[in-house]
């Protein structure tokens, strides 16, 4: 079964911030290609969401996967959809950020 992939507002903001960062450091073309590739990787989770690593130590039902060696994608699997909770780049402490948001703010449980 192929699930739809939904980005949380936090994940969308993180992707936009990464795009801005890379546009300044490299170019708009490089930034768009890089972020588009990450989005495609996220979308591929709709076909094979179980490939990520379960992370119940952070939150029940949470999984993570990596892309491009420097990106951690945090997500959850539902019956009909995969929810992308966060896209963390370049050594951000994703575990601390995800644990701090246990109250149900930007990252749904």
Protein backbone atom coordinates (compact mmCIF):
# COMPACT_ATOMS: atom_id res chain seq x y z
CA UNK A 1 0.00 0.00 0.00
CA UNK A 2 1.34 3.43 -0.92
CA UNK A 3 0.74 6.04 1.75
CA UNK A 4 0.50 9.78 1.18
CA UNK A 5 3.31 11.88 2.63
CA UNK A 6 2.42 14.98 4.66
CA UNK A 7 4.94 17.56 5.89
CA UNK A 8 4.33 19.19 9.27
CA UNK A 9 4.60 23.00 9.41
CA UNK A 10 7.91 22.56 11.27
CA UNK A 11 9.33 20.32 8.52
CA UNK A 12 8.22 22.76 5.81
CA UNK A 13 9.88 25.62 7.70
CA UNK A 14 13.08 23.61 8.10
CA UNK A 15 13.19 22.90 4.36
CA UNK A 16 12.64 26.59 3.58
CA UNK A 17 15.39 27.58 6.00
CA UNK A 18 17.77 25.05 4.44
CA UNK A 19 16.94 26.42 0.99
CA UNK A 20 17.72 29.97 2.13
CA UNK A 21 20.95 28.88 3.81
CA UNK A 22 22.18 27.05 0.71
CA UNK A 23 21.14 29.87 -1.60
CA UNK A 24 23.43 32.25 0.32
CA UNK A 25 26.29 29.73 0.61
CA UNK A 26 26.12 28.29 -2.92
CA UNK A 27 23.37 29.38 -5.33
CA UNK A 28 19.62 29.21 -5.81
CA UNK A 29 20.08 26.41 -8.34
CA UNK A 30 22.17 24.30 -5.96
CA UNK A 31 19.75 24.97 -3.09
CA UNK A 32 16.68 24.04 -5.11
CA UNK A 33 18.25 20.81 -6.38
CA UNK A 34 19.38 19.80 -2.90
CA UNK A 35 16.05 20.52 -1.21
CA UNK A 36 14.08 18.91 -4.06
CA UNK A 37 16.14 15.74 -3.64
CA UNK A 38 15.37 15.69 0.09
CA UNK A 39 11.65 16.15 -0.60
CA UNK A 40 11.76 13.28 -3.10
CA UNK A 41 13.44 11.09 -0.49
CA UNK A 42 10.68 11.99 1.97
CA UNK A 43 8.03 11.20 -0.63
CA UNK A 44 9.62 7.80 -1.26
CA UNK A 45 8.80 6.92 2.35
CA UNK A 46 5.18 6.58 1.23
CA UNK A 47 6.22 3.42 -0.63
CA UNK A 48 8.54 1.93 2.02
CA UNK A 49 8.15 3.68 5.39
CA UNK A 50 9.46 0.74 7.39
CA UNK A 51 12.97 1.28 6.04
CA UNK A 52 13.71 3.97 8.63
CA UNK A 53 15.04 3.24 12.09
CA UNK A 54 12.46 3.03 14.90
CA UNK A 55 13.21 5.59 17.64
CA UNK A 56 10.85 4.81 20.54
CA UNK A 57 13.55 6.18 22.88
CA UNK A 58 12.60 9.66 21.64
CA UNK A 59 8.88 9.25 21.02
CA UNK A 60 6.52 6.30 20.51
CA UNK A 61 6.07 5.56 16.82
CA UNK A 62 8.91 7.85 15.71
CA UNK A 63 11.27 6.71 12.96
CA UNK A 64 14.30 8.39 11.43
CA UNK A 65 16.17 8.01 8.18
CA UNK A 66 19.12 9.78 6.63
CA UNK A 67 19.61 11.46 3.29
CA UNK A 68 22.72 12.90 1.69
CA UNK A 69 24.81 11.97 4.73
CA UNK A 70 23.97 15.20 6.58
CA UNK A 71 20.18 15.18 6.74
CA UNK A 72 18.05 13.39 9.33
CA UNK A 73 14.36 12.99 8.53
CA UNK A 74 12.02 12.30 11.47
CA UNK A 75 8.63 10.80 10.67
CA UNK A 76 5.74 8.66 11.80
CA UNK A 77 3.73 6.03 9.97
CA UNK A 78 -0.06 6.16 9.98
CA UNK A 79 -2.60 3.85 8.37
CA UNK A 80 -2.89 5.95 5.21
CA UNK A 81 -0.06 8.46 5.48
CA UNK A 82 3.51 9.14 6.50
CA UNK A 83 3.92 12.32 8.55
CA UNK A 84 7.25 14.11 8.19
CA UNK A 85 7.85 15.76 11.56
CA UNK A 86 11.24 17.31 10.93
CA UNK A 87 14.15 17.65 8.50
CA UNK A 88 17.39 18.29 10.39
CA UNK A 89 20.56 19.36 8.62
CA UNK A 90 24.25 19.50 9.42
CA UNK A 91 24.54 18.11 12.91
CA UNK A 92 21.48 19.74 14.48
CA UNK A 93 20.60 17.96 17.70
CA UNK A 94 17.42 16.40 16.33
CA UNK A 95 16.97 14.16 19.36
CA UNK A 96 16.86 17.11 21.78
CA UNK A 97 14.55 19.09 19.49
CA UNK A 98 12.13 16.17 19.10
CA UNK A 99 12.17 15.40 22.82
CA UNK A 100 11.52 19.06 23.68
CA UNK A 101 8.41 19.08 21.52
CA UNK A 102 6.67 16.25 23.40
CA UNK A 103 3.85 18.66 24.26
CA UNK A 104 2.31 18.30 20.82
CA UNK A 105 3.35 21.66 19.35
CA UNK A 106 4.63 21.51 15.78
CA UNK A 107 5.21 17.76 15.82
CA UNK A 108 2.07 15.65 16.09
CA UNK A 109 2.25 12.52 18.20
